[in-house]
């Protein structure tokens, strides 16, 4: 196992999920239910399934496209999202 990749993946996903809507929903459900353990295991299962689908889809796309093209598409996608975020904030 590539432990550096594991650590990078963990850190990236962990930081991205802090304060996310799904975490806030889990907090609300855990606080209002009589079984926070069920909320915990349901949340963990959902995150694992969502991450698995992303990894499977990413692996499939990586088989179809060369690495350079895949990185270029990802870079363009992130740049477009950044421009959209900056543009919508400047319009307010």
PDB file of N, CA and C in Angstrom:
ATOM      1  N   UNK A   1       0.841  -1.173   0.000  1.00  0.00           N
ATOM      2  CA  UNK A   1       0.000   0.000   0.000  1.00  0.00           C
ATOM      3  C   UNK A   1       0.891   1.242   0.000  1.00  0.00           C
ATOM      4  N   UNK A   2       0.473   2.226  -0.773  1.00  0.00           N
ATOM      5  CA  UNK A   2       1.194   3.494  -0.845  1.00  0.00           C
ATOM      6  C   UNK A   2       0.698   4.380   0.309  1.00  0.00           C
ATOM      7  N   UNK A   3       1.452   4.426   1.392  1.00  0.00           N
ATOM      8  CA  UNK A   3       1.026   5.139   2.603  1.00  0.00           C
ATOM      9  C   UNK A   3       1.005   6.649   2.409  1.00  0.00           C
ATOM     10  N   UNK A   4       1.861   7.157   1.541  1.00  0.00           N
ATOM     11  CA  UNK A   4       1.849   8.596   1.270  1.00  0.00           C
ATOM     12  C   UNK A   4       0.547   8.988   0.557  1.00  0.00           C
ATOM     13  N   UNK A   5       0.135   8.182  -0.409  1.00  0.00           N
ATOM     14  CA  UNK A   5      -1.123   8.424  -1.105  1.00  0.00           C
ATOM     15  C   UNK A   5      -2.307   8.252  -0.162  1.00  0.00           C
ATOM     16  N   UNK A   6      -2.247   7.253   0.707  1.00  0.00           N
ATOM     17  CA  UNK A   6      -3.295   7.049   1.703  1.00  0.00           C
ATOM     18  C   UNK A   6      -3.428   8.278   2.601  1.00  0.00           C
ATOM     19  N   UNK A   7      -2.305   8.768   3.109  1.00  0.00           N
ATOM     20  CA  UNK A   7      -2.329   9.938   3.982  1.00  0.00           C
ATOM     21  C   UNK A   7      -2.838  11.178   3.275  1.00  0.00           C
ATOM     22  N   UNK A   8      -2.410  11.379   2.031  1.00  0.00           N
ATOM     23  CA  UNK A   8      -2.868  12.526   1.256  1.00  0.00           C
ATOM     24  C   UNK A   8      -4.371  12.449   0.993  1.00  0.00           C
ATOM     25  N   UNK A   9      -4.850  11.267   0.645  1.00  0.00           N
ATOM     26  CA  UNK A   9      -6.287  11.076   0.412  1.00  0.00           C
ATOM     27  C   UNK A   9      -7.077  11.331   1.682  1.00  0.00           C
ATOM     28  N   UNK A  10      -6.613  10.772   2.792  1.00  0.00           N
ATOM     29  CA  UNK A  10      -7.308  10.955   4.065  1.00  0.00           C
ATOM     30  C   UNK A  10      -7.373  12.428   4.432  1.00  0.00           C
ATOM     31  N   UNK A  11      -6.238  13.099   4.368  1.00  0.00           N
ATOM     32  CA  UNK A  11      -6.178  14.503   4.770  1.00  0.00           C
ATOM     33  C   UNK A  11      -7.058  15.378   3.872  1.00  0.00           C
ATOM     34  N   UNK A  12      -7.005  15.139   2.576  1.00  0.00           N
ATOM     35  CA  UNK A  12      -7.797  15.929   1.636  1.00  0.00           C
ATOM     36  C   UNK A  12      -9.287  15.755   1.889  1.00  0.00           C
ATOM     37  N   UNK A  13      -9.743  14.515   2.002  1.00  0.00           N
ATOM     38  CA  UNK A  13     -11.172  14.252   2.221  1.00  0.00           C
ATOM     39  C   UNK A  13     -11.595  14.741   3.603  1.00  0.00           C
ATOM     40  N   UNK A  14     -10.766  14.514   4.604  1.00  0.00           N
ATOM     41  CA  UNK A  14     -11.101  14.944   5.965  1.00  0.00           C
ATOM     42  C   UNK A  14     -11.296  16.461   6.026  1.00  0.00           C
ATOM     43  N   UNK A  15     -10.362  17.202   5.448  1.00  0.00           N
ATOM     44  CA  UNK A  15     -10.468  18.663   5.469  1.00  0.00           C
ATOM     45  C   UNK A  15     -11.634  19.159   4.615  1.00  0.00           C
ATOM     46  N   UNK A  16     -11.895  18.484   3.509  1.00  0.00           N
ATOM     47  CA  UNK A  16     -12.999  18.899   2.640  1.00  0.00           C
ATOM     48  C   UNK A  16     -14.353  18.660   3.298  1.00  0.00           C
ATOM     49  N   UNK A  17     -14.445  17.654   4.139  1.00  0.00           N
ATOM     50  CA  UNK A  17     -15.725  17.303   4.751  1.00  0.00           C
ATOM     51  C   UNK A  17     -16.036  18.094   6.018  1.00  0.00           C
ATOM     52  N   UNK A  18     -15.052  18.756   6.611  1.00  0.00           N
ATOM     53  CA  UNK A  18     -15.310  19.511   7.841  1.00  0.00           C
ATOM     54  C   UNK A  18     -16.232  20.677   7.505  1.00  0.00           C
ATOM     55  N   UNK A  19     -17.348  20.739   8.205  1.00  0.00           N
ATOM     56  CA  UNK A  19     -18.310  21.816   7.985  1.00  0.00           C
ATOM     57  C   UNK A  19     -19.180  21.619   6.760  1.00  0.00           C
ATOM     58  N   UNK A  20     -19.083  20.471   6.132  1.00  0.00           N
ATOM     59  CA  UNK A  20     -19.890  20.175   4.966  1.00  0.00           C
ATOM     60  C   UNK A  20     -21.352  19.983   5.391  1.00  0.00           C
ATOM     61  N   UNK A  21     -22.267  20.139   4.449  1.00  0.00           N
ATOM     62  CA  UNK A  21     -23.693  19.966   4.763  1.00  0.00           C
ATOM     63  C   UNK A  21     -23.996  18.577   5.312  1.00  0.00           C
ATOM     64  N   UNK A  22     -23.290  17.566   4.803  1.00  0.00           N
ATOM     65  CA  UNK A  22     -23.534  16.213   5.295  1.00  0.00           C
ATOM     66  C   UNK A  22     -23.102  16.081   6.754  1.00  0.00           C
ATOM     67  N   UNK A  23     -22.032  16.762   7.137  1.00  0.00           N
ATOM     68  CA  UNK A  23     -21.606  16.716   8.532  1.00  0.00           C
ATOM     69  C   UNK A  23     -22.614  17.444   9.417  1.00  0.00           C
ATOM     70  N   UNK A  24     -23.112  18.570   8.951  1.00  0.00           N
ATOM     71  CA  UNK A  24     -24.125  19.290   9.723  1.00  0.00           C
ATOM     72  C   UNK A  24     -25.397  18.471   9.860  1.00  0.00           C
ATOM     73  N   UNK A  25     -25.770  17.748   8.805  1.00  0.00           N
ATOM     74  CA  UNK A  25     -26.943  16.867   8.883  1.00  0.00           C
ATOM     75  C   UNK A  25     -26.707  15.746   9.890  1.00  0.00           C
ATOM     76  N   UNK A  26     -25.495  15.182   9.905  1.00  0.00           N
ATOM     77  CA  UNK A  26     -25.177  14.123  10.867  1.00  0.00           C
ATOM     78  C   UNK A  26     -25.217  14.661  12.299  1.00  0.00           C
ATOM     79  N   UNK A  27     -24.753  15.898  12.499  1.00  0.00           N
ATOM     80  CA  UNK A  27     -24.811  16.511  13.831  1.00  0.00           C
ATOM     81  C   UNK A  27     -26.259  16.670  14.274  1.00  0.00           C
ATOM     82  N   UNK A  28     -27.093  17.163  13.364  1.00  0.00           N
ATOM     83  CA  UNK A  28     -28.506  17.359  13.696  1.00  0.00           C
ATOM     84  C   UNK A  28     -29.202  16.028  13.986  1.00  0.00           C
ATOM     85  N   UNK A  29     -28.946  15.028  13.156  1.00  0.00           N
ATOM     86  CA  UNK A  29     -29.556  13.718  13.375  1.00  0.00           C
ATOM     87  C   UNK A  29     -29.041  13.075  14.657  1.00  0.00           C
ATOM     88  N   UNK A  30     -27.748  13.165  14.882  1.00  0.00           N
ATOM     89  CA  UNK A  30     -27.168  12.567  16.090  1.00  0.00           C
ATOM     90  C   UNK A  30     -27.673  13.218  17.357  1.00  0.00           C
ATOM     91  N   UNK A  31     -27.887  14.520  17.310  1.00  0.00           N
ATOM     92  CA  UNK A  31     -28.366  15.232  18.495  1.00  0.00           C
ATOM     93  C   UNK A  31     -29.833  15.029  18.780  1.00  0.00           C
ATOM     94  N   UNK A  32     -30.615  14.747  17.736  1.00  0.00           N
ATOM     95  CA  UNK A  32     -32.051  14.618  17.936  1.00  0.00           C
ATOM     96  C   UNK A  32     -32.532  13.177  18.008  1.00  0.00           C
ATOM     97  N   UNK A  33     -31.654  12.218  17.782  1.00  0.00           N
ATOM     98  CA  UNK A  33     -32.085  10.824  17.809  1.00  0.00           C
ATOM     99  C   UNK A  33     -31.733  10.169  19.141  1.00  0.00           C
ATOM    100  N   UNK A  34     -32.394   9.044  19.371  1.00  0.00           N
ATOM    101  CA  UNK A  34     -32.102   8.280  20.585  1.00  0.00           C
ATOM    102  C   UNK A  34     -30.996   7.261  20.352  1.00  0.00           C
ATOM    103  N   UNK A  35     -30.548   7.173  19.102  1.00  0.00           N
ATOM    104  CA  UNK A  35     -29.498   6.212  18.777  1.00  0.00           C
ATOM    105  C   UNK A  35     -28.420   6.879  17.924  1.00  0.00           C
ATOM    106  N   UNK A  36     -27.532   7.654  18.549  1.00  0.00           N
ATOM    107  CA  UNK A  36     -26.481   8.303  17.762  1.00  0.00           C
ATOM    108  C   UNK A  36     -25.528   7.305  17.103  1.00  0.00           C
ATOM    109  N   UNK A  37     -25.424   6.119  17.657  1.00  0.00           N
ATOM    110  CA  UNK A  37     -24.569   5.093  17.052  1.00  0.00           C
ATOM    111  C   UNK A  37     -25.086   4.714  15.661  1.00  0.00           C
ATOM    112  N   UNK A  38     -26.421   4.619  15.513  1.00  0.00           N
ATOM    113  CA  UNK A  38     -26.999   4.308  14.203  1.00  0.00           C
ATOM    114  C   UNK A  38     -26.717   5.441  13.210  1.00  0.00           C
ATOM    115  N   UNK A  39     -26.784   6.676  13.678  1.00  0.00           N
ATOM    116  CA  UNK A  39     -26.468   7.822  12.823  1.00  0.00           C
ATOM    117  C   UNK A  39     -24.998   7.752  12.399  1.00  0.00           C
ATOM    118  N   UNK A  40     -24.120   7.426  13.331  1.00  0.00           N
ATOM    119  CA  UNK A  40     -22.696   7.311  13.037  1.00  0.00           C
ATOM    120  C   UNK A  40     -22.448   6.258  11.961  1.00  0.00           C
ATOM    121  N   UNK A  41     -22.989   5.066  12.142  1.00  0.00           N
ATOM    122  CA  UNK A  41     -22.752   3.992  11.176  1.00  0.00           C
ATOM    123  C   UNK A  41     -23.426   4.278   9.836  1.00  0.00           C
ATOM    124  N   UNK A  42     -24.588   4.917   9.856  1.00  0.00           N
ATOM    125  CA  UNK A  42     -25.230   5.303   8.599  1.00  0.00           C
ATOM    126  C   UNK A  42     -24.403   6.335   7.850  1.00  0.00           C
ATOM    127  N   UNK A  43     -23.856   7.306   8.577  1.00  0.00           N
ATOM    128  CA  UNK A  43     -23.020   8.335   7.952  1.00  0.00           C
ATOM    129  C   UNK A  43     -21.745   7.738   7.381  1.00  0.00           C
ATOM    130  N   UNK A  44     -21.119   6.860   8.135  1.00  0.00           N
ATOM    131  CA  UNK A  44     -19.887   6.204   7.669  1.00  0.00           C
ATOM    132  C   UNK A  44     -20.155   5.392   6.411  1.00  0.00           C
ATOM    133  N   UNK A  45     -21.243   4.635   6.416  1.00  0.00           N
ATOM    134  CA  UNK A  45     -21.584   3.808   5.257  1.00  0.00           C
ATOM    135  C   UNK A  45     -21.832   4.669   4.026  1.00  0.00           C
ATOM    136  N   UNK A  46     -22.547   5.786   4.203  1.00  0.00           N
ATOM    137  CA  UNK A  46     -22.832   6.674   3.074  1.00  0.00           C
ATOM    138  C   UNK A  46     -21.555   7.285   2.517  1.00  0.00           C
ATOM    139  N   UNK A  47     -20.644   7.721   3.382  1.00  0.00           N
ATOM    140  CA  UNK A  47     -19.390   8.308   2.917  1.00  0.00           C
ATOM    141  C   UNK A  47     -18.526   7.274   2.200  1.00  0.00           C
ATOM    142  N   UNK A  48     -18.495   6.064   2.724  1.00  0.00           N
ATOM    143  CA  UNK A  48     -17.726   4.996   2.070  1.00  0.00           C
ATOM    144  C   UNK A  48     -18.299   4.693   0.688  1.00  0.00           C
ATOM    145  N   UNK A  49     -19.632   4.604   0.585  1.00  0.00           N
ATOM    146  CA  UNK A  49     -20.261   4.312  -0.701  1.00  0.00           C
ATOM    147  C   UNK A  49     -20.011   5.439  -1.696  1.00  0.00           C
ATOM    148  N   UNK A  50     -20.184   6.686  -1.267  1.00  0.00           N
ATOM    149  CA  UNK A  50     -19.959   7.824  -2.164  1.00  0.00           C
ATOM    150  C   UNK A  50     -18.502   7.876  -2.619  1.00  0.00           C
ATOM    151  N   UNK A  51     -17.579   7.641  -1.706  1.00  0.00           N
ATOM    152  CA  UNK A  51     -16.156   7.642  -2.067  1.00  0.00           C
ATOM    153  C   UNK A  51     -15.826   6.489  -3.011  1.00  0.00           C
ATOM    154  N   UNK A  52     -16.415   5.338  -2.759  1.00  0.00           N
ATOM    155  CA  UNK A  52     -16.180   4.173  -3.628  1.00  0.00           C
ATOM    156  C   UNK A  52     -16.644   4.449  -5.047  1.00  0.00           C
ATOM    157  N   UNK A  53     -17.822   5.066  -5.187  1.00  0.00           N
ATOM    158  CA  UNK A  53     -18.315   5.388  -6.520  1.00  0.00           C
ATOM    159  C   UNK A  53     -17.373   6.365  -7.224  1.00  0.00           C
ATOM    160  N   UNK A  54     -16.850   7.341  -6.482  1.00  0.00           N
ATOM    161  CA  UNK A  54     -15.900   8.289  -7.070  1.00  0.00           C
ATOM    162  C   UNK A  54     -14.615   7.620  -7.522  1.00  0.00           C
ATOM    163  N   UNK A  55     -14.106   6.718  -6.706  1.00  0.00           N
ATOM    164  CA  UNK A  55     -12.862   6.013  -7.050  1.00  0.00           C
ATOM    165  C   UNK A  55     -13.083   5.097  -8.250  1.00  0.00           C
ATOM    166  N   UNK A  56     -14.202   4.398  -8.279  1.00  0.00           N
ATOM    167  CA  UNK A  56     -14.494   3.504  -9.405  1.00  0.00           C
ATOM    168  C   UNK A  56     -14.655   4.306 -10.698  1.00  0.00           C
ATOM    169  N   UNK A  57     -15.407   5.411 -10.626  1.00  0.00           N
ATOM    170  CA  UNK A  57     -15.592   6.254 -11.816  1.00  0.00           C
ATOM    171  C   UNK A  57     -14.253   6.849 -12.260  1.00  0.00           C
ATOM    172  N   UNK A  58     -13.456   7.318 -11.312  1.00  0.00           N
ATOM    173  CA  UNK A  58     -12.149   7.878 -11.643  1.00  0.00           C
ATOM    174  C   UNK A  58     -11.229   6.848 -12.272  1.00  0.00           C
ATOM    175  N   UNK A  59     -11.268   5.643 -11.748  1.00  0.00           N
ATOM    176  CA  UNK A  59     -10.450   4.571 -12.325  1.00  0.00           C
ATOM    177  C   UNK A  59     -10.875   4.226 -13.742  1.00  0.00           C
ATOM    178  N   UNK A  60     -12.190   4.245 -13.977  1.00  0.00           N
ATOM    179  CA  UNK A  60     -12.695   3.960 -15.325  1.00  0.00           C
ATOM    180  C   UNK A  60     -12.304   5.043 -16.313  1.00  0.00           C
ATOM    181  N   UNK A  61     -12.424   6.294 -15.895  1.00  0.00           N
ATOM    182  CA  UNK A  61     -12.048   7.407 -16.773  1.00  0.00           C
ATOM    183  C   UNK A  61     -10.538   7.383 -17.030  1.00  0.00           C
ATOM    184  N   UNK A  62      -9.761   7.037 -16.019  1.00  0.00           N
ATOM    185  CA  UNK A  62      -8.306   6.981 -16.177  1.00  0.00           C
ATOM    186  C   UNK A  62      -7.890   5.902 -17.177  1.00  0.00           C
ATOM    187  N   UNK A  63      -8.708   4.863 -17.314  1.00  0.00           N
ATOM    188  CA  UNK A  63      -8.415   3.807 -18.294  1.00  0.00           C
ATOM    189  C   UNK A  63      -8.681   4.297 -19.717  1.00  0.00           C
ATOM    190  N   UNK A  64      -9.620   5.237 -19.857  1.00  0.00           N
ATOM    191  CA  UNK A  64     -10.009   5.709 -21.183  1.00  0.00           C
ATOM    192  C   UNK A  64      -9.159   6.876 -21.688  1.00  0.00           C
ATOM    193  N   UNK A  65      -8.734   7.740 -20.775  1.00  0.00           N
ATOM    194  CA  UNK A  65      -8.014   8.948 -21.165  1.00  0.00           C
ATOM    195  C   UNK A  65      -6.565   8.901 -20.691  1.00  0.00           C
ATOM    196  N   UNK A  66      -5.668   9.464 -21.468  1.00  0.00           N
ATOM    197  CA  UNK A  66      -4.277   9.560 -21.005  1.00  0.00           C
ATOM    198  C   UNK A  66      -4.183  10.495 -19.791  1.00  0.00           C
ATOM    199  N   UNK A  67      -3.148  10.308 -19.002  1.00  0.00           N
ATOM    200  CA  UNK A  67      -2.986  11.068 -17.764  1.00  0.00           C
ATOM    201  C   UNK A  67      -2.934  12.576 -18.006  1.00  0.00           C
ATOM    202  N   UNK A  68      -2.230  12.992 -19.056  1.00  0.00           N
ATOM    203  CA  UNK A  68      -2.124  14.423 -19.360  1.00  0.00           C
ATOM    204  C   UNK A  68      -3.489  15.031 -19.661  1.00  0.00           C
ATOM    205  N   UNK A  69      -4.291  14.331 -20.431  1.00  0.00           N
ATOM    206  CA  UNK A  69      -5.629  14.829 -20.784  1.00  0.00           C
ATOM    207  C   UNK A  69      -6.499  14.892 -19.535  1.00  0.00           C
ATOM    208  N   UNK A  70      -6.425  13.868 -18.709  1.00  0.00           N
ATOM    209  CA  UNK A  70      -7.208  13.823 -17.480  1.00  0.00           C
ATOM    210  C   UNK A  70      -6.836  14.980 -16.547  1.00  0.00           C
ATOM    211  N   UNK A  71      -5.552  15.249 -16.395  1.00  0.00           N
ATOM    212  CA  UNK A  71      -5.107  16.367 -15.563  1.00  0.00           C
ATOM    213  C   UNK A  71      -5.546  17.702 -16.161  1.00  0.00           C
ATOM    214  N   UNK A  72      -5.496  17.824 -17.478  1.00  0.00           N
ATOM    215  CA  UNK A  72      -5.923  19.066 -18.133  1.00  0.00           C
ATOM    216  C   UNK A  72      -7.417  19.295 -17.941  1.00  0.00           C
ATOM    217  N   UNK A  73      -8.209  18.255 -18.076  1.00  0.00           N
ATOM    218  CA  UNK A  73      -9.659  18.369 -17.875  1.00  0.00           C
ATOM    219  C   UNK A  73      -9.956  18.762 -16.431  1.00  0.00           C
ATOM    220  N   UNK A  74      -9.267  18.137 -15.485  1.00  0.00           N
ATOM    221  CA  UNK A  74      -9.470  18.475 -14.073  1.00  0.00           C
ATOM    222  C   UNK A  74      -9.066  19.916 -13.796  1.00  0.00           C
ATOM    223  N   UNK A  75      -7.943  20.352 -14.337  1.00  0.00           N
ATOM    224  CA  UNK A  75      -7.482  21.727 -14.124  1.00  0.00           C
ATOM    225  C   UNK A  75      -8.465  22.738 -14.715  1.00  0.00           C
ATOM    226  N   UNK A  76      -8.954  22.457 -15.907  1.00  0.00           N
ATOM    227  CA  UNK A  76      -9.927  23.357 -16.536  1.00  0.00           C
ATOM    228  C   UNK A  76     -11.221  23.387 -15.734  1.00  0.00           C
ATOM    229  N   UNK A  77     -11.652  22.225 -15.265  1.00  0.00           N
ATOM    230  CA  UNK A  77     -12.868  22.166 -14.452  1.00  0.00           C
ATOM    231  C   UNK A  77     -12.747  22.982 -13.173  1.00  0.00           C
ATOM    232  N   UNK A  78     -11.638  22.832 -12.475  1.00  0.00           N
ATOM    233  CA  UNK A  78     -11.430  23.603 -11.243  1.00  0.00           C
ATOM    234  C   UNK A  78     -11.310  25.087 -11.535  1.00  0.00           C
ATOM    235  N   UNK A  79     -10.651  25.441 -12.638  1.00  0.00           N
ATOM    236  CA  UNK A  79     -10.523  26.855 -13.005  1.00  0.00           C
ATOM    237  C   UNK A  79     -11.896  27.459 -13.316  1.00  0.00           C
ATOM    238  N   UNK A  80     -12.730  26.716 -14.025  1.00  0.00           N
ATOM    239  CA  UNK A  80     -14.076  27.208 -14.329  1.00  0.00           C
ATOM    240  C   UNK A  80     -14.905  27.395 -13.060  1.00  0.00           C
ATOM    241  N   UNK A  81     -14.778  26.458 -12.119  1.00  0.00           N
ATOM    242  CA  UNK A  81     -15.504  26.600 -10.847  1.00  0.00           C
ATOM    243  C   UNK A  81     -15.016  27.825 -10.082  1.00  0.00           C
ATOM    244  N   UNK A  82     -13.710  28.058 -10.093  1.00  0.00           N
ATOM    245  CA  UNK A  82     -13.150  29.220  -9.391  1.00  0.00           C
ATOM    246  C   UNK A  82     -13.646  30.521 -10.019  1.00  0.00           C
ATOM    247  N   UNK A  83     -13.643  30.576 -11.339  1.00  0.00           N
ATOM    248  CA  UNK A  83     -14.124  31.783 -12.022  1.00  0.00           C
ATOM    249  C   UNK A  83     -15.598  32.003 -11.719  1.00  0.00           C
ATOM    250  N   UNK A  84     -16.374  30.928 -11.733  1.00  0.00           N
ATOM    251  CA  UNK A  84     -17.804  31.042 -11.428  1.00  0.00           C
ATOM    252  C   UNK A  84     -18.016  31.554 -10.008  1.00  0.00           C
ATOM    253  N   UNK A  85     -17.264  31.025  -9.059  1.00  0.00           N
ATOM    254  CA  UNK A  85     -17.386  31.478  -7.672  1.00  0.00           C
ATOM    255  C   UNK A  85     -16.986  32.946  -7.530  1.00  0.00           C
ATOM    256  N   UNK A  86     -15.896  33.320  -8.163  1.00  0.00           N
ATOM    257  CA  UNK A  86     -15.452  34.712  -8.084  1.00  0.00           C
ATOM    258  C   UNK A  86     -16.430  35.641  -8.800  1.00  0.00           C
ATOM    259  N   UNK A  87     -16.956  35.208  -9.933  1.00  0.00           N
ATOM    260  CA  UNK A  87     -17.884  36.033 -10.702  1.00  0.00           C
ATOM    261  C   UNK A  87     -19.189  36.231  -9.945  1.00  0.00           C
ATOM    262  N   UNK A  88     -19.717  35.175  -9.322  1.00  0.00           N
ATOM    263  CA  UNK A  88     -20.995  35.299  -8.621  1.00  0.00           C
ATOM    264  C   UNK A  88     -20.846  36.161  -7.372  1.00  0.00           C
ATOM    265  N   UNK A  89     -19.693  36.137  -6.703  1.00  0.00           N
ATOM    266  CA  UNK A  89     -19.474  36.979  -5.532  1.00  0.00           C
ATOM    267  C   UNK A  89     -19.303  38.441  -5.910  1.00  0.00           C
ATOM    268  N   UNK A  90     -18.727  38.715  -7.064  1.00  0.00           N
ATOM    269  CA  UNK A  90     -18.529  40.106  -7.459  1.00  0.00           C
ATOM    270  C   UNK A  90     -19.825  40.744  -7.943  1.00  0.00           C
ATOM    271  N   UNK A  91     -20.795  39.948  -8.331  1.00  0.00           N
ATOM    272  CA  UNK A  91     -22.079  40.461  -8.810  1.00  0.00           C
ATOM    273  C   UNK A  91     -22.998  40.866  -7.665  1.00  0.00           C
ATOM    274  N   UNK A  92     -22.760  40.379  -6.454  1.00  0.00           N
ATOM    275  CA  UNK A  92     -23.635  40.662  -5.302  1.00  0.00           C
ATOM    276  C   UNK A  92     -23.456  42.027  -4.744  1.00  0.00           C
TER     277      UNK A  92
END
